[in-house]
């Protein structure tokens, strides 16, 4: 009953926001809610910073189209690490040909091979090479800050779905960020993220902005990611708290998170025993598009990178 009342209130509130228009929604400065229920200003980048990021993405795209190597972001190897596809060896991070755009860089003639082939010791076919790349040329963790959740798996979901708005380094400066209103959150801001529970983060990802009374600009991922996938993303976010834009390759590969586990918070190992989680889950499931009788989420299908939380805990104990 309590859950049903909350669901009806949420639907009513969402309808009012749609009728009132976005100007009403954005009128209040303090829109984000902490774990204590306090309203605070959402951590976002300035218009100038987003313009600079947009210009960098444009340059990145045009350089790649003409086969030009070199760094977009000012850190010479960073483009190589993030996979934009512009350099075919570390020796050419400052310039040269990339193998794209019809260029004929040495060793790339008639092969179509670019830097991706240099990123693993023994490139494998199909999807395996992607996993080899992301775990070799991006931060890799042997511990987790969310029990039962794997930040390495969460990282790959984030790279695939979240970069467009939140950016490579979670700063809220993705290629779409400049045209989104309200702006994407800076997900590394410790003063904000340390005051958000795992439950709040989980529900924001699963149900999207509307499920938590905020903007529909944040889409719901509950029809794309299973619950364990979402927990893995939460673990990735926690692993990047207060981690700024990298100043070196070492910074990029070895982020130092400041996150401290919040007492009593739910995690991937205990969430099914949490009354608060179950109530929130029911509410989000009720408003997710495409749900109907017998069509509920929260299940588990093993495969790919997805492991059960108990198995993730064993991996952590064994040092991954």
Protein backbone atom coordinates (compact mmCIF):
# COMPACT_ATOMS: atom_id res chain seq x y z
CA UNK A 1 0.00 0.00 0.00
CA UNK A 2 2.74 2.41 0.96
CA UNK A 3 4.58 1.61 -2.27
CA UNK A 4 1.40 2.14 -4.31
CA UNK A 5 0.82 5.55 -2.72
CA UNK A 6 4.38 6.57 -3.50
CA UNK A 7 3.98 5.38 -7.07
CA UNK A 8 0.81 7.43 -7.55
CA UNK A 9 2.49 10.49 -6.05
CA UNK A 10 5.42 10.05 -8.42
CA UNK A 11 3.17 9.73 -11.45
CA UNK A 12 1.22 12.81 -10.38
CA UNK A 13 4.38 14.82 -9.79
CA UNK A 14 5.80 13.81 -13.15
CA UNK A 15 2.58 14.82 -14.90
CA UNK A 16 2.62 18.22 -13.21
CA UNK A 17 6.22 18.80 -14.26
CA UNK A 18 5.37 17.97 -17.86
CA UNK A 19 2.38 20.33 -17.83
CA UNK A 20 4.27 23.14 -16.14
CA UNK A 21 7.17 22.95 -18.56
CA UNK A 22 10.90 22.77 -18.08
CA UNK A 23 11.23 26.38 -16.86
CA UNK A 24 9.41 25.50 -13.64
CA UNK A 25 11.51 22.41 -13.10
CA UNK A 26 14.72 24.38 -13.49
CA UNK A 27 13.66 27.38 -11.44
CA UNK A 28 15.10 26.10 -8.16
CA UNK A 29 18.87 26.08 -7.87
CA UNK A 30 18.98 23.23 -5.37
CA UNK A 31 17.51 20.27 -7.23
CA UNK A 32 19.61 17.31 -6.15
CA UNK A 33 18.76 15.32 -3.02
CA UNK A 34 21.29 13.92 -0.54
CA UNK A 35 20.85 10.77 1.52
CA UNK A 36 19.49 12.96 4.35
CA UNK A 37 16.82 14.46 2.14
CA UNK A 38 18.55 17.83 1.86
CA UNK A 39 18.31 19.71 -1.43
CA UNK A 40 21.68 20.80 -2.81
CA UNK A 41 23.02 22.28 -6.00
CA UNK A 42 23.83 19.59 -8.54
CA UNK A 43 27.53 19.33 -9.46
CA UNK A 44 27.87 20.34 -13.11
CA UNK A 45 30.45 22.05 -15.29
CA UNK A 46 30.23 25.63 -16.51
CA UNK A 47 29.02 26.58 -19.97
CA UNK A 48 32.58 27.56 -20.88
CA UNK A 49 33.97 24.18 -19.82
CA UNK A 50 31.31 22.35 -21.81
CA UNK A 51 32.03 24.50 -24.86
CA UNK A 52 35.72 23.64 -24.58
CA UNK A 53 34.85 19.94 -24.32
CA UNK A 54 32.54 20.15 -27.33
CA UNK A 55 35.28 21.82 -29.37
CA UNK A 56 37.70 19.05 -28.38
CA UNK A 57 35.27 16.35 -29.49
CA UNK A 58 34.77 18.14 -32.81
CA UNK A 59 38.51 18.33 -33.35
CA UNK A 60 38.85 14.69 -32.41
CA UNK A 61 36.24 13.68 -34.99
CA UNK A 62 37.67 15.81 -37.79
CA UNK A 63 41.24 14.66 -37.10
CA UNK A 64 40.19 11.03 -37.17
CA UNK A 65 38.25 11.54 -40.42
CA UNK A 66 41.35 12.76 -42.24
CA UNK A 67 43.68 10.23 -40.63
CA UNK A 68 45.57 12.69 -38.45
CA UNK A 69 47.26 11.43 -35.31
CA UNK A 70 47.99 13.51 -32.21
CA UNK A 71 46.39 14.33 -28.90
CA UNK A 72 43.08 16.14 -28.57
CA UNK A 73 43.10 16.53 -24.81
CA UNK A 74 46.58 17.84 -24.14
CA UNK A 75 47.86 14.61 -22.60
CA UNK A 76 49.72 12.97 -25.42
CA UNK A 77 48.95 9.30 -24.69
CA UNK A 78 45.38 9.93 -23.51
CA UNK A 79 43.80 9.60 -26.94
CA UNK A 80 45.65 6.33 -27.32
CA UNK A 81 44.20 5.09 -24.04
CA UNK A 82 40.64 6.23 -24.62
CA UNK A 83 40.34 4.58 -27.99
CA UNK A 84 39.50 7.41 -30.33
CA UNK A 85 41.43 5.63 -33.06
CA UNK A 86 43.97 8.18 -34.19
CA UNK A 87 47.43 6.80 -33.46
CA UNK A 88 48.90 3.45 -34.35
CA UNK A 89 51.89 3.58 -32.02
CA UNK A 90 52.94 5.47 -28.92
CA UNK A 91 55.72 7.07 -30.96
CA UNK A 92 53.18 9.05 -32.97
CA UNK A 93 51.10 10.63 -30.23
CA UNK A 94 52.22 14.11 -31.33
CA UNK A 95 51.36 13.77 -35.00
CA UNK A 96 51.56 11.73 -38.16
CA UNK A 97 49.08 9.37 -39.81
CA UNK A 98 46.63 7.15 -37.99
CA UNK A 99 45.52 4.58 -40.55
CA UNK A 100 42.05 6.11 -40.80
CA UNK A 101 40.73 8.47 -43.44
CA UNK A 102 42.52 6.71 -46.29
CA UNK A 103 45.96 7.56 -44.92
CA UNK A 104 48.76 5.14 -45.69
CA UNK A 105 50.73 5.02 -42.48
CA UNK A 106 53.56 2.51 -42.46
CA UNK A 107 52.26 -0.96 -41.76
CA UNK A 108 48.63 -0.04 -42.41
CA UNK A 109 48.61 -0.22 -46.21
CA UNK A 110 45.59 -2.12 -47.48
CA UNK A 111 44.98 -3.66 -44.05
CA UNK A 112 42.62 -1.19 -42.42
CA UNK A 113 44.40 -1.90 -39.15
CA UNK A 114 44.81 0.94 -36.72
CA UNK A 115 46.00 1.40 -33.17
CA UNK A 116 43.46 -1.07 -31.80
CA UNK A 117 45.61 -3.92 -33.07
CA UNK A 118 48.54 -2.65 -31.03
CA UNK A 119 46.65 -2.64 -27.77
CA UNK A 120 46.72 -6.31 -26.88
CA UNK A 121 49.52 -8.85 -26.90
CA UNK A 122 47.60 -11.38 -28.99
CA UNK A 123 44.49 -9.84 -30.54
CA UNK A 124 41.50 -12.16 -30.51
CA UNK A 125 38.53 -12.24 -32.81
CA UNK A 126 35.10 -10.73 -32.18
CA UNK A 127 34.16 -9.32 -28.78
CA UNK A 128 37.14 -10.64 -26.85
CA UNK A 129 39.44 -7.97 -28.23
CA UNK A 130 37.17 -5.26 -26.79
CA UNK A 131 37.47 -6.74 -23.30
CA UNK A 132 41.23 -7.04 -23.71
CA UNK A 133 41.47 -3.42 -24.73
CA UNK A 134 39.29 -1.90 -22.00
CA UNK A 135 41.04 -3.78 -19.23
CA UNK A 136 44.53 -3.04 -20.51
CA UNK A 137 44.15 0.60 -21.50
CA UNK A 138 41.88 1.90 -18.76
CA UNK A 139 41.76 1.69 -14.95
CA UNK A 140 41.51 -1.88 -13.68
CA UNK A 141 40.63 -2.70 -10.08
CA UNK A 142 41.43 -5.63 -7.81
CA UNK A 143 39.09 -4.45 -5.06
CA UNK A 144 35.57 -3.05 -4.93
CA UNK A 145 33.92 -0.36 -2.83
CA UNK A 146 30.49 -1.95 -3.29
CA UNK A 147 30.30 -5.53 -2.02
CA UNK A 148 29.27 -8.02 -4.69
CA UNK A 149 29.75 -5.53 -7.54
CA UNK A 150 32.60 -5.48 -10.06
CA UNK A 151 33.87 -2.00 -11.07
CA UNK A 152 35.73 -3.49 -14.04
CA UNK A 153 32.47 -4.77 -15.53
CA UNK A 154 30.69 -1.55 -14.58
CA UNK A 155 33.37 0.44 -16.36
CA UNK A 156 32.54 -1.23 -19.65
CA UNK A 157 28.81 -0.52 -19.32
CA UNK A 158 29.70 3.08 -18.49
CA UNK A 159 32.00 3.37 -21.51
CA UNK A 160 29.28 2.05 -23.79
CA UNK A 161 26.24 3.95 -22.56
CA UNK A 162 27.24 6.86 -20.32
CA UNK A 163 30.18 8.64 -21.96
CA UNK A 164 27.97 10.55 -24.39
CA UNK A 165 26.67 12.71 -21.54
CA UNK A 166 28.98 12.20 -18.56
CA UNK A 167 32.28 12.00 -20.47
CA UNK A 168 35.28 9.66 -20.42
CA UNK A 169 36.37 10.75 -16.95
CA UNK A 170 32.91 11.19 -15.38
CA UNK A 171 33.25 14.99 -15.31
CA UNK A 172 29.91 15.62 -17.03
CA UNK A 173 31.58 16.78 -20.24
CA UNK A 174 30.51 14.23 -22.84
CA UNK A 175 29.86 15.20 -26.48
CA UNK A 176 26.12 15.63 -25.76
CA UNK A 177 26.56 17.56 -22.52
CA UNK A 178 26.45 21.03 -24.05
CA UNK A 179 22.95 20.56 -25.46
CA UNK A 180 21.39 18.87 -22.42
CA UNK A 181 19.32 20.90 -19.95
CA UNK A 182 19.78 20.36 -17.08
CA UNK A 183 23.45 19.55 -17.47
CA UNK A 184 24.85 16.06 -16.77
CA UNK A 185 26.19 15.55 -13.25
CA UNK A 186 29.88 15.55 -12.46
CA UNK A 187 29.95 12.02 -11.03
CA UNK A 188 33.33 12.41 -9.35
CA UNK A 189 32.32 15.28 -7.03
CA UNK A 190 33.05 13.85 -3.58
CA UNK A 191 31.12 16.47 -1.62
CA UNK A 192 28.03 15.33 -3.52
CA UNK A 193 28.62 11.64 -4.20
CA UNK A 194 29.67 10.82 -0.63
CA UNK A 195 26.21 12.01 0.40
CA UNK A 196 24.39 9.79 -2.08
CA UNK A 197 23.58 6.23 -1.04
CA UNK A 198 24.11 3.22 -3.25
CA UNK A 199 20.33 2.87 -3.29
CA UNK A 200 19.90 6.40 -4.65
CA UNK A 201 22.49 5.85 -7.37
CA UNK A 202 21.02 2.47 -8.31
CA UNK A 203 17.50 3.84 -8.70
CA UNK A 204 18.65 6.89 -10.65
CA UNK A 205 20.36 4.59 -13.15
CA UNK A 206 17.61 2.02 -13.34
CA UNK A 207 14.61 4.32 -13.46
CA UNK A 208 16.17 7.47 -14.89
CA UNK A 209 15.55 11.03 -13.81
CA UNK A 210 11.76 10.84 -13.88
CA UNK A 211 11.73 7.88 -11.49
CA UNK A 212 13.35 10.05 -8.82
CA UNK A 213 11.40 13.21 -9.57
CA UNK A 214 14.04 14.85 -11.75
CA UNK A 215 14.63 15.47 -15.44
CA UNK A 216 13.90 12.91 -18.19
CA UNK A 217 17.25 13.93 -19.70
CA UNK A 218 18.66 11.10 -17.59
CA UNK A 219 17.20 8.02 -19.34
CA UNK A 220 16.12 4.84 -17.61
CA UNK A 221 18.48 1.91 -18.15
CA UNK A 222 16.37 -0.74 -16.44
CA UNK A 223 15.25 -2.24 -19.76
CA UNK A 224 18.83 -2.51 -21.01
CA UNK A 225 20.93 -3.42 -17.98
CA UNK A 226 20.12 -6.12 -15.48
CA UNK A 227 20.28 -5.25 -11.79
CA UNK A 228 23.74 -6.78 -11.42
CA UNK A 229 24.97 -4.65 -14.32
CA UNK A 230 23.67 -1.54 -12.57
CA UNK A 231 25.38 -2.54 -9.33
CA UNK A 232 28.61 -2.91 -11.29
CA UNK A 233 28.19 0.64 -12.63
CA UNK A 234 27.63 1.91 -9.08
CA UNK A 235 30.91 0.24 -8.08
CA UNK A 236 32.67 2.01 -10.98
CA UNK A 237 31.27 5.37 -9.88
CA UNK A 238 32.44 4.78 -6.31
CA UNK A 239 35.92 3.94 -7.57
CA UNK A 240 36.21 7.41 -9.13
CA UNK A 241 35.13 9.72 -6.31
CA UNK A 242 37.17 12.94 -6.30
CA UNK A 243 39.26 11.67 -9.23
CA UNK A 244 39.97 14.66 -11.47
CA UNK A 245 40.89 14.85 -15.14
CA UNK A 246 44.19 12.96 -15.56
CA UNK A 247 47.42 14.91 -15.82
CA UNK A 248 49.40 11.85 -16.85
CA UNK A 249 48.87 8.29 -18.00
CA UNK A 250 49.64 7.10 -14.47
CA UNK A 251 46.86 9.32 -13.11
CA UNK A 252 44.45 7.88 -15.64
CA UNK A 253 45.30 4.24 -14.95
CA UNK A 254 45.44 4.55 -11.15
CA UNK A 255 42.52 6.60 -9.85
CA UNK A 256 42.51 7.23 -6.09
CA UNK A 257 38.95 7.28 -4.78
CA UNK A 258 38.04 9.03 -1.54
CA UNK A 259 34.75 7.16 -1.09
CA UNK A 260 33.98 5.76 2.35
CA UNK A 261 31.29 3.10 2.70
CA UNK A 262 28.09 4.58 4.12
CA UNK A 263 26.90 2.77 7.24
CA UNK A 264 23.82 0.65 6.64
CA UNK A 265 23.85 1.17 2.88
CA UNK A 266 22.66 -1.60 0.60
CA UNK A 267 24.95 -3.35 -1.86
CA UNK A 268 24.85 -6.10 -4.46
CA UNK A 269 25.16 -8.80 -1.81
CA UNK A 270 22.38 -7.72 0.53
CA UNK A 271 19.93 -5.63 -1.52
CA UNK A 272 17.34 -8.39 -1.89
CA UNK A 273 17.02 -8.44 1.90
CA UNK A 274 16.54 -4.68 2.14
CA UNK A 275 12.98 -3.48 2.74
CA UNK A 276 13.90 -0.01 1.50
CA UNK A 277 15.33 -1.42 -1.73
CA UNK A 278 12.34 -3.69 -2.37
CA UNK A 279 9.95 -0.76 -1.93
CA UNK A 280 11.94 1.46 -4.29
CA UNK A 281 12.29 -1.41 -6.75
CA UNK A 282 8.54 -1.92 -6.89
CA UNK A 283 7.99 1.78 -7.51
CA UNK A 284 10.56 1.99 -10.32
CA UNK A 285 9.31 -1.22 -11.95
CA UNK A 286 5.80 0.26 -11.98
CA UNK A 287 6.85 3.24 -14.10
CA UNK A 288 9.45 1.69 -16.41
CA UNK A 289 8.36 1.72 -20.06
CA UNK A 290 7.45 -1.67 -21.47
CA UNK A 291 6.65 -3.32 -18.17
CA UNK A 292 3.40 -5.25 -17.91
CA UNK A 293 1.90 -8.32 -16.30
CA UNK A 294 4.67 -10.84 -15.88
CA UNK A 295 7.23 -8.44 -17.31
CA UNK A 296 9.31 -7.34 -14.35
CA UNK A 297 13.00 -6.70 -14.07
CA UNK A 298 15.46 -7.50 -11.36
CA UNK A 299 16.14 -11.02 -12.59
CA UNK A 300 19.50 -12.50 -13.45
CA UNK A 301 20.85 -14.17 -16.58
CA UNK A 302 24.47 -15.23 -16.47
CA UNK A 303 26.70 -14.51 -19.42
CA UNK A 304 29.41 -12.27 -20.76
CA UNK A 305 30.95 -10.09 -18.08
CA UNK A 306 28.04 -10.59 -15.70
CA UNK A 307 28.75 -12.62 -12.58
CA UNK A 308 26.54 -13.24 -9.58
CA UNK A 309 27.34 -10.98 -6.63
CA UNK A 310 28.50 -13.96 -4.60
CA UNK A 311 30.94 -14.89 -7.36
CA UNK A 312 32.18 -11.29 -7.55
CA UNK A 313 32.86 -11.41 -3.81
CA UNK A 314 34.91 -14.58 -4.32
CA UNK A 315 36.87 -12.90 -7.13
CA UNK A 316 37.67 -9.97 -4.87
CA UNK A 317 38.83 -12.29 -2.09
CA UNK A 318 41.11 -14.03 -4.57
CA UNK A 319 42.45 -10.69 -5.87
CA UNK A 320 40.46 -10.91 -9.10
